[in-house]
């Protein structure tokens, strides 16, 4: 089976996010008041082939831990859907 994968990577809570802080400080000057908690991350999309959704999740989790994220300072959220 083939799955579409979306991995959303973001800084862990408590880890400095200078891009998010810059955006948050800039928004009031553009007329967007009341925006707080801005965090900047990245989205990674790809396809994976596996025997089952469980096997695909296990493989993607390993890919994230070993290559796509720095588990010390980043969290990841994985979404899988069956590819059409």
PDB file of N, CA and C in Angstrom:
ATOM      1  N   UNK A   1       0.838  -1.178   0.000  1.00  0.00           N
ATOM      2  CA  UNK A   1       0.000   0.000   0.000  1.00  0.00           C
ATOM      3  C   UNK A   1       0.885   1.245   0.000  1.00  0.00           C
ATOM      4  N   UNK A   2       0.375   2.265  -0.644  1.00  0.00           N
ATOM      5  CA  UNK A   2       1.114   3.527  -0.688  1.00  0.00           C
ATOM      6  C   UNK A   2       0.354   4.570   0.130  1.00  0.00           C
ATOM      7  N   UNK A   3       1.104   5.366   0.890  1.00  0.00           N
ATOM      8  CA  UNK A   3       0.517   6.374   1.766  1.00  0.00           C
ATOM      9  C   UNK A   3       1.127   7.740   1.476  1.00  0.00           C
ATOM     10  N   UNK A   4       0.257   8.761   1.509  1.00  0.00           N
ATOM     11  CA  UNK A   4       0.730  10.141   1.483  1.00  0.00           C
ATOM     12  C   UNK A   4       1.058  10.518   2.918  1.00  0.00           C
ATOM     13  N   UNK A   5       2.213  11.126   3.106  1.00  0.00           N
ATOM     14  CA  UNK A   5       2.690  11.465   4.443  1.00  0.00           C
ATOM     15  C   UNK A   5       2.883  12.969   4.549  1.00  0.00           C
ATOM     16  N   UNK A   6       2.429  13.527   5.651  1.00  0.00           N
ATOM     17  CA  UNK A   6       2.700  14.918   5.995  1.00  0.00           C
ATOM     18  C   UNK A   6       3.330  14.920   7.376  1.00  0.00           C
ATOM     19  N   UNK A   7       4.554  15.420   7.451  1.00  0.00           N
ATOM     20  CA  UNK A   7       5.252  15.559   8.726  1.00  0.00           C
ATOM     21  C   UNK A   7       5.349  17.051   9.017  1.00  0.00           C
ATOM     22  N   UNK A   8       4.752  17.478  10.125  1.00  0.00           N
ATOM     23  CA  UNK A   8       4.844  18.866  10.552  1.00  0.00           C
ATOM     24  C   UNK A   8       5.827  18.934  11.714  1.00  0.00           C
ATOM     25  N   UNK A   9       6.885  19.707  11.521  1.00  0.00           N
ATOM     26  CA  UNK A   9       7.953  19.818  12.508  1.00  0.00           C
ATOM     27  C   UNK A   9       7.897  21.203  13.134  1.00  0.00           C
ATOM     28  N   UNK A  10       7.980  21.251  14.458  1.00  0.00           N
ATOM     29  CA  UNK A  10       7.963  22.535  15.156  1.00  0.00           C
ATOM     30  C   UNK A  10       8.916  22.474  16.346  1.00  0.00           C
ATOM     31  N   UNK A  11       9.390  23.646  16.775  1.00  0.00           N
ATOM     32  CA  UNK A  11      10.257  23.666  17.951  1.00  0.00           C
ATOM     33  C   UNK A  11       9.498  23.181  19.182  1.00  0.00           C
ATOM     34  N   UNK A  12      10.175  22.457  20.049  1.00  0.00           N
ATOM     35  CA  UNK A  12       9.556  22.016  21.304  1.00  0.00           C
ATOM     36  C   UNK A  12       9.223  23.225  22.168  1.00  0.00           C
ATOM     37  N   UNK A  13       8.220  23.069  23.010  1.00  0.00           N
ATOM     38  CA  UNK A  13       7.899  24.121  23.964  1.00  0.00           C
ATOM     39  C   UNK A  13       9.149  24.399  24.804  1.00  0.00           C
ATOM     40  N   UNK A  14       9.409  25.666  25.038  1.00  0.00           N
ATOM     41  CA  UNK A  14      10.561  26.055  25.836  1.00  0.00           C
ATOM     42  C   UNK A  14      11.819  26.285  25.020  1.00  0.00           C
ATOM     43  N   UNK A  15      11.822  25.877  23.753  1.00  0.00           N
ATOM     44  CA  UNK A  15      12.974  26.098  22.879  1.00  0.00           C
ATOM     45  C   UNK A  15      12.755  27.424  22.159  1.00  0.00           C
ATOM     46  N   UNK A  16      13.786  28.245  22.103  1.00  0.00           N
ATOM     47  CA  UNK A  16      13.683  29.548  21.454  1.00  0.00           C
ATOM     48  C   UNK A  16      13.258  29.387  19.996  1.00  0.00           C
ATOM     49  N   UNK A  17      12.387  30.280  19.551  1.00  0.00           N
ATOM     50  CA  UNK A  17      11.913  30.292  18.174  1.00  0.00           C
ATOM     51  C   UNK A  17      12.048  31.722  17.647  1.00  0.00           C
ATOM     52  N   UNK A  18      13.259  32.117  17.211  1.00  0.00           N
ATOM     53  CA  UNK A  18      13.471  33.509  16.797  1.00  0.00           C
ATOM     54  C   UNK A  18      12.595  33.928  15.618  1.00  0.00           C
ATOM     55  N   UNK A  19      12.309  33.026  14.684  1.00  0.00           N
ATOM     56  CA  UNK A  19      11.435  33.388  13.558  1.00  0.00           C
ATOM     57  C   UNK A  19      10.021  33.680  14.057  1.00  0.00           C
ATOM     58  N   UNK A  20       9.518  32.839  14.929  1.00  0.00           N
ATOM     59  CA  UNK A  20       8.192  33.053  15.491  1.00  0.00           C
ATOM     60  C   UNK A  20       8.118  34.356  16.269  1.00  0.00           C
ATOM     61  N   UNK A  21       9.168  34.649  17.038  1.00  0.00           N
ATOM     62  CA  UNK A  21       9.194  35.882  17.819  1.00  0.00           C
ATOM     63  C   UNK A  21       9.215  37.112  16.913  1.00  0.00           C
ATOM     64  N   UNK A  22       9.969  37.044  15.820  1.00  0.00           N
ATOM     65  CA  UNK A  22      10.029  38.162  14.876  1.00  0.00           C
ATOM     66  C   UNK A  22       8.668  38.406  14.234  1.00  0.00           C
ATOM     67  N   UNK A  23       8.005  37.334  13.834  1.00  0.00           N
ATOM     68  CA  UNK A  23       6.675  37.472  13.241  1.00  0.00           C
ATOM     69  C   UNK A  23       5.704  38.069  14.253  1.00  0.00           C
ATOM     70  N   UNK A  24       5.738  37.541  15.471  1.00  0.00           N
ATOM     71  CA  UNK A  24       4.816  38.024  16.504  1.00  0.00           C
ATOM     72  C   UNK A  24       5.021  39.507  16.794  1.00  0.00           C
ATOM     73  N   UNK A  25       6.277  39.946  16.846  1.00  0.00           N
ATOM     74  CA  UNK A  25       6.562  41.366  17.102  1.00  0.00           C
ATOM     75  C   UNK A  25       6.142  42.246  15.923  1.00  0.00           C
ATOM     76  N   UNK A  26       6.161  41.713  14.706  1.00  0.00           N
ATOM     77  CA  UNK A  26       5.863  42.497  13.509  1.00  0.00           C
ATOM     78  C   UNK A  26       4.368  42.639  13.228  1.00  0.00           C
ATOM     79  N   UNK A  27       3.567  41.702  13.663  1.00  0.00           N
ATOM     80  CA  UNK A  27       2.142  41.702  13.321  1.00  0.00           C
ATOM     81  C   UNK A  27       1.388  42.955  13.772  1.00  0.00           C
ATOM     82  N   UNK A  28       1.620  43.474  14.979  1.00  0.00           N
ATOM     83  CA  UNK A  28       0.877  44.693  15.370  1.00  0.00           C
ATOM     84  C   UNK A  28       1.125  45.875  14.434  1.00  0.00           C
ATOM     85  N   UNK A  29       2.332  45.991  13.888  1.00  0.00           N
ATOM     86  CA  UNK A  29       2.632  47.085  12.963  1.00  0.00           C
ATOM     87  C   UNK A  29       1.834  46.960  11.665  1.00  0.00           C
ATOM     88  N   UNK A  30       1.375  45.760  11.376  1.00  0.00           N
ATOM     89  CA  UNK A  30       0.570  45.524  10.174  1.00  0.00           C
ATOM     90  C   UNK A  30      -0.928  45.532  10.468  1.00  0.00           C
ATOM     91  N   UNK A  31      -1.267  45.865  11.719  1.00  0.00           N
ATOM     92  CA  UNK A  31      -2.671  45.958  12.086  1.00  0.00           C
ATOM     93  C   UNK A  31      -3.272  44.680  12.642  1.00  0.00           C
ATOM     94  N   UNK A  32      -2.448  43.694  12.934  1.00  0.00           N
ATOM     95  CA  UNK A  32      -2.929  42.427  13.488  1.00  0.00           C
ATOM     96  C   UNK A  32      -2.601  42.362  14.966  1.00  0.00           C
ATOM     97  N   UNK A  33      -3.511  42.900  15.778  1.00  0.00           N
ATOM     98  CA  UNK A  33      -3.307  42.914  17.216  1.00  0.00           C
ATOM     99  C   UNK A  33      -3.869  41.638  17.833  1.00  0.00           C
ATOM    100  N   UNK A  34      -3.345  41.274  18.974  1.00  0.00           N
ATOM    101  CA  UNK A  34      -3.885  40.150  19.715  1.00  0.00           C
ATOM    102  C   UNK A  34      -3.383  38.785  19.270  1.00  0.00           C
ATOM    103  N   UNK A  35      -2.391  38.739  18.394  1.00  0.00           N
ATOM    104  CA  UNK A  35      -1.828  37.450  17.965  1.00  0.00           C
ATOM    105  C   UNK A  35      -0.670  37.113  18.891  1.00  0.00           C
ATOM    106  N   UNK A  36      -0.726  35.944  19.514  1.00  0.00           N
ATOM    107  CA  UNK A  36       0.346  35.520  20.411  1.00  0.00           C
ATOM    108  C   UNK A  36       0.690  34.058  20.154  1.00  0.00           C
ATOM    109  N   UNK A  37       1.812  33.640  20.682  1.00  0.00           N
ATOM    110  CA  UNK A  37       2.204  32.241  20.612  1.00  0.00           C
ATOM    111  C   UNK A  37       2.615  31.778  19.228  1.00  0.00           C
ATOM    112  N   UNK A  38       3.165  32.675  18.415  1.00  0.00           N
ATOM    113  CA  UNK A  38       3.563  32.307  17.058  1.00  0.00           C
ATOM    114  C   UNK A  38       4.753  31.361  17.110  1.00  0.00           C
ATOM    115  N   UNK A  39       4.633  30.231  16.445  1.00  0.00           N
ATOM    116  CA  UNK A  39       5.717  29.247  16.333  1.00  0.00           C
ATOM    117  C   UNK A  39       5.904  28.940  14.850  1.00  0.00           C
ATOM    118  N   UNK A  40       7.136  28.901  14.385  1.00  0.00           N
ATOM    119  CA  UNK A  40       7.428  28.614  12.990  1.00  0.00           C
ATOM    120  C   UNK A  40       8.027  27.220  12.897  1.00  0.00           C
ATOM    121  N   UNK A  41       7.547  26.460  11.947  1.00  0.00           N
ATOM    122  CA  UNK A  41       8.044  25.109  11.739  1.00  0.00           C
ATOM    123  C   UNK A  41       8.207  24.843  10.259  1.00  0.00           C
ATOM    124  N   UNK A  42       8.156  23.572   9.916  1.00  0.00           N
ATOM    125  CA  UNK A  42       8.260  23.193   8.509  1.00  0.00           C
ATOM    126  C   UNK A  42       7.335  22.010   8.257  1.00  0.00           C
ATOM    127  N   UNK A  43       6.905  21.893   7.018  1.00  0.00           N
ATOM    128  CA  UNK A  43       6.066  20.781   6.595  1.00  0.00           C
ATOM    129  C   UNK A  43       6.826  19.990   5.547  1.00  0.00           C
ATOM    130  N   UNK A  44       6.845  18.688   5.711  1.00  0.00           N
ATOM    131  CA  UNK A  44       7.539  17.802   4.777  1.00  0.00           C
ATOM    132  C   UNK A  44       6.519  16.800   4.259  1.00  0.00           C
ATOM    133  N   UNK A  45       6.374  16.731   2.942  1.00  0.00           N
ATOM    134  CA  UNK A  45       5.414  15.818   2.318  1.00  0.00           C
ATOM    135  C   UNK A  45       6.146  14.813   1.460  1.00  0.00           C
ATOM    136  N   UNK A  46       5.719  13.552   1.546  1.00  0.00           N
ATOM    137  CA  UNK A  46       6.285  12.507   0.700  1.00  0.00           C
ATOM    138  C   UNK A  46       5.348  11.311   0.703  1.00  0.00           C
ATOM    139  N   UNK A  47       5.677  10.303  -0.068  1.00  0.00           N
ATOM    140  CA  UNK A  47       4.904   9.061  -0.089  1.00  0.00           C
ATOM    141  C   UNK A  47       5.781   7.927   0.401  1.00  0.00           C
ATOM    142  N   UNK A  48       5.150   6.956   1.025  1.00  0.00           N
ATOM    143  CA  UNK A  48       5.859   5.776   1.509  1.00  0.00           C
ATOM    144  C   UNK A  48       5.015   4.547   1.159  1.00  0.00           C
ATOM    145  N   UNK A  49       5.685   3.479   0.810  1.00  0.00           N
ATOM    146  CA  UNK A  49       5.014   2.214   0.532  1.00  0.00           C
ATOM    147  C   UNK A  49       5.290   1.254   1.679  1.00  0.00           C
ATOM    148  N   UNK A  50       4.225   0.659   2.205  1.00  0.00           N
ATOM    149  CA  UNK A  50       4.355  -0.278   3.327  1.00  0.00           C
ATOM    150  C   UNK A  50       3.193  -1.267   3.265  1.00  0.00           C
ATOM    151  N   UNK A  51       3.329  -2.359   4.008  1.00  0.00           N
ATOM    152  CA  UNK A  51       2.301  -3.401   4.012  1.00  0.00           C
ATOM    153  C   UNK A  51       1.015  -2.973   4.704  1.00  0.00           C
ATOM    154  N   UNK A  52       1.127  -2.046   5.661  1.00  0.00           N
ATOM    155  CA  UNK A  52      -0.042  -1.604   6.415  1.00  0.00           C
ATOM    156  C   UNK A  52       0.190  -0.184   6.910  1.00  0.00           C
ATOM    157  N   UNK A  53      -0.886   0.445   7.408  1.00  0.00           N
ATOM    158  CA  UNK A  53      -0.745   1.782   7.973  1.00  0.00           C
ATOM    159  C   UNK A  53       0.168   1.758   9.196  1.00  0.00           C
ATOM    160  N   UNK A  54       0.050   0.715   9.993  1.00  0.00           N
ATOM    161  CA  UNK A  54       0.898   0.585  11.178  1.00  0.00           C
ATOM    162  C   UNK A  54       2.375   0.504  10.792  1.00  0.00           C
ATOM    163  N   UNK A  55       2.677  -0.279   9.769  1.00  0.00           N
ATOM    164  CA  UNK A  55       4.067  -0.401   9.305  1.00  0.00           C
ATOM    165  C   UNK A  55       4.562   0.927   8.732  1.00  0.00           C
ATOM    166  N   UNK A  56       3.677   1.634   8.024  1.00  0.00           N
ATOM    167  CA  UNK A  56       4.051   2.937   7.474  1.00  0.00           C
ATOM    168  C   UNK A  56       4.341   3.925   8.595  1.00  0.00           C
ATOM    169  N   UNK A  57       3.495   3.953   9.629  1.00  0.00           N
ATOM    170  CA  UNK A  57       3.721   4.855  10.769  1.00  0.00           C
ATOM    171  C   UNK A  57       5.051   4.557  11.454  1.00  0.00           C
ATOM    172  N   UNK A  58       5.353   3.283  11.616  1.00  0.00           N
ATOM    173  CA  UNK A  58       6.617   2.898  12.247  1.00  0.00           C
ATOM    174  C   UNK A  58       7.795   3.383  11.419  1.00  0.00           C
ATOM    175  N   UNK A  59       7.720   3.203  10.099  1.00  0.00           N
ATOM    176  CA  UNK A  59       8.815   3.635   9.228  1.00  0.00           C
ATOM    177  C   UNK A  59       8.962   5.153   9.229  1.00  0.00           C
ATOM    178  N   UNK A  60       7.851   5.865   9.147  1.00  0.00           N
ATOM    179  CA  UNK A  60       7.908   7.328   9.146  1.00  0.00           C
ATOM    180  C   UNK A  60       8.437   7.849  10.479  1.00  0.00           C
ATOM    181  N   UNK A  61       8.037   7.221  11.568  1.00  0.00           N
ATOM    182  CA  UNK A  61       8.546   7.608  12.884  1.00  0.00           C
ATOM    183  C   UNK A  61      10.065   7.455  12.941  1.00  0.00           C
ATOM    184  N   UNK A  62      10.568   6.371  12.386  1.00  0.00           N
ATOM    185  CA  UNK A  62      12.020   6.140  12.346  1.00  0.00           C
ATOM    186  C   UNK A  62      12.708   7.176  11.461  1.00  0.00           C
ATOM    187  N   UNK A  63      12.097   7.486  10.319  1.00  0.00           N
ATOM    188  CA  UNK A  63      12.657   8.507   9.423  1.00  0.00           C
ATOM    189  C   UNK A  63      12.744   9.849  10.148  1.00  0.00           C
ATOM    190  N   UNK A  64      11.676  10.196  10.872  1.00  0.00           N
ATOM    191  CA  UNK A  64      11.668  11.466  11.610  1.00  0.00           C
ATOM    192  C   UNK A  64      12.782  11.503  12.652  1.00  0.00           C
ATOM    193  N   UNK A  65      12.885  10.437  13.432  1.00  0.00           N
ATOM    194  CA  UNK A  65      13.861  10.405  14.521  1.00  0.00           C
ATOM    195  C   UNK A  65      15.297  10.396  14.010  1.00  0.00           C
ATOM    196  N   UNK A  66      15.518   9.744  12.887  1.00  0.00           N
ATOM    197  CA  UNK A  66      16.894   9.593  12.401  1.00  0.00           C
ATOM    198  C   UNK A  66      17.326  10.646  11.399  1.00  0.00           C
ATOM    199  N   UNK A  67      16.361  11.348  10.758  1.00  0.00           N
ATOM    200  CA  UNK A  67      16.771  12.227   9.668  1.00  0.00           C
ATOM    201  C   UNK A  67      16.025  13.561   9.599  1.00  0.00           C
ATOM    202  N   UNK A  68      14.703  13.555   9.718  1.00  0.00           N
ATOM    203  CA  UNK A  68      13.925  14.759   9.448  1.00  0.00           C
ATOM    204  C   UNK A  68      13.857  15.742  10.602  1.00  0.00           C
ATOM    205  N   UNK A  69      14.040  15.273  11.815  1.00  0.00           N
ATOM    206  CA  UNK A  69      13.931  16.166  12.972  1.00  0.00           C
ATOM    207  C   UNK A  69      15.124  15.997  13.896  1.00  0.00           C
ATOM    208  N   UNK A  70      15.298  16.991  14.734  1.00  0.00           N
ATOM    209  CA  UNK A  70      16.239  16.892  15.836  1.00  0.00           C
ATOM    210  C   UNK A  70      15.384  16.666  17.077  1.00  0.00           C
ATOM    211  N   UNK A  71      15.248  15.413  17.523  1.00  0.00           N
ATOM    212  CA  UNK A  71      14.313  15.133  18.611  1.00  0.00           C
ATOM    213  C   UNK A  71      14.640  15.834  19.933  1.00  0.00           C
ATOM    214  N   UNK A  72      15.811  16.401  20.052  1.00  0.00           N
ATOM    215  CA  UNK A  72      16.169  17.126  21.268  1.00  0.00           C
ATOM    216  C   UNK A  72      15.440  18.466  21.327  1.00  0.00           C
ATOM    217  N   UNK A  73      15.269  19.119  20.172  1.00  0.00           N
ATOM    218  CA  UNK A  73      14.685  20.465  20.159  1.00  0.00           C
ATOM    219  C   UNK A  73      13.417  20.584  19.314  1.00  0.00           C
ATOM    220  N   UNK A  74      13.021  19.516  18.600  1.00  0.00           N
ATOM    221  CA  UNK A  74      11.860  19.600  17.723  1.00  0.00           C
ATOM    222  C   UNK A  74      10.862  18.479  18.008  1.00  0.00           C
ATOM    223  N   UNK A  75       9.592  18.795  17.813  1.00  0.00           N
ATOM    224  CA  UNK A  75       8.514  17.816  17.855  1.00  0.00           C
ATOM    225  C   UNK A  75       8.008  17.613  16.434  1.00  0.00           C
ATOM    226  N   UNK A  76       7.425  16.459  16.185  1.00  0.00           N
ATOM    227  CA  UNK A  76       6.838  16.224  14.871  1.00  0.00           C
ATOM    228  C   UNK A  76       5.452  15.619  15.034  1.00  0.00           C
ATOM    229  N   UNK A  77       4.591  15.974  14.092  1.00  0.00           N
ATOM    230  CA  UNK A  77       3.236  15.428  14.033  1.00  0.00           C
ATOM    231  C   UNK A  77       3.091  14.807  12.652  1.00  0.00           C
ATOM    232  N   UNK A  78       2.729  13.526  12.605  1.00  0.00           N
ATOM    233  CA  UNK A  78       2.660  12.788  11.349  1.00  0.00           C
ATOM    234  C   UNK A  78       1.209  12.513  10.994  1.00  0.00           C
ATOM    235  N   UNK A  79       0.859  12.814   9.727  1.00  0.00           N
ATOM    236  CA  UNK A  79      -0.453  12.480   9.173  1.00  0.00           C
ATOM    237  C   UNK A  79      -0.257  11.539   8.003  1.00  0.00           C
ATOM    238  N   UNK A  80      -0.997  10.443   8.000  1.00  0.00           N
ATOM    239  CA  UNK A  80      -0.949   9.464   6.902  1.00  0.00           C
ATOM    240  C   UNK A  80      -2.329   9.327   6.283  1.00  0.00           C
ATOM    241  N   UNK A  81      -2.368   9.281   4.970  1.00  0.00           N
ATOM    242  CA  UNK A  81      -3.613   8.952   4.281  1.00  0.00           C
ATOM    243  C   UNK A  81      -3.278   8.008   3.143  1.00  0.00           C
ATOM    244  N   UNK A  82      -4.191   7.116   2.825  1.00  0.00           N
ATOM    245  CA  UNK A  82      -3.987   6.194   1.721  1.00  0.00           C
ATOM    246  C   UNK A  82      -3.889   7.000   0.425  1.00  0.00           C
ATOM    247  N   UNK A  83      -2.848   6.715  -0.347  1.00  0.00           N
ATOM    248  CA  UNK A  83      -2.655   7.424  -1.619  1.00  0.00           C
ATOM    249  C   UNK A  83      -3.662   6.907  -2.638  1.00  0.00           C
ATOM    250  N   UNK A  84      -4.125   7.802  -3.472  1.00  0.00           N
ATOM    251  CA  UNK A  84      -5.086   7.390  -4.495  1.00  0.00           C
ATOM    252  C   UNK A  84      -4.401   7.058  -5.798  1.00  0.00           C
TER     253      UNK A  84
END
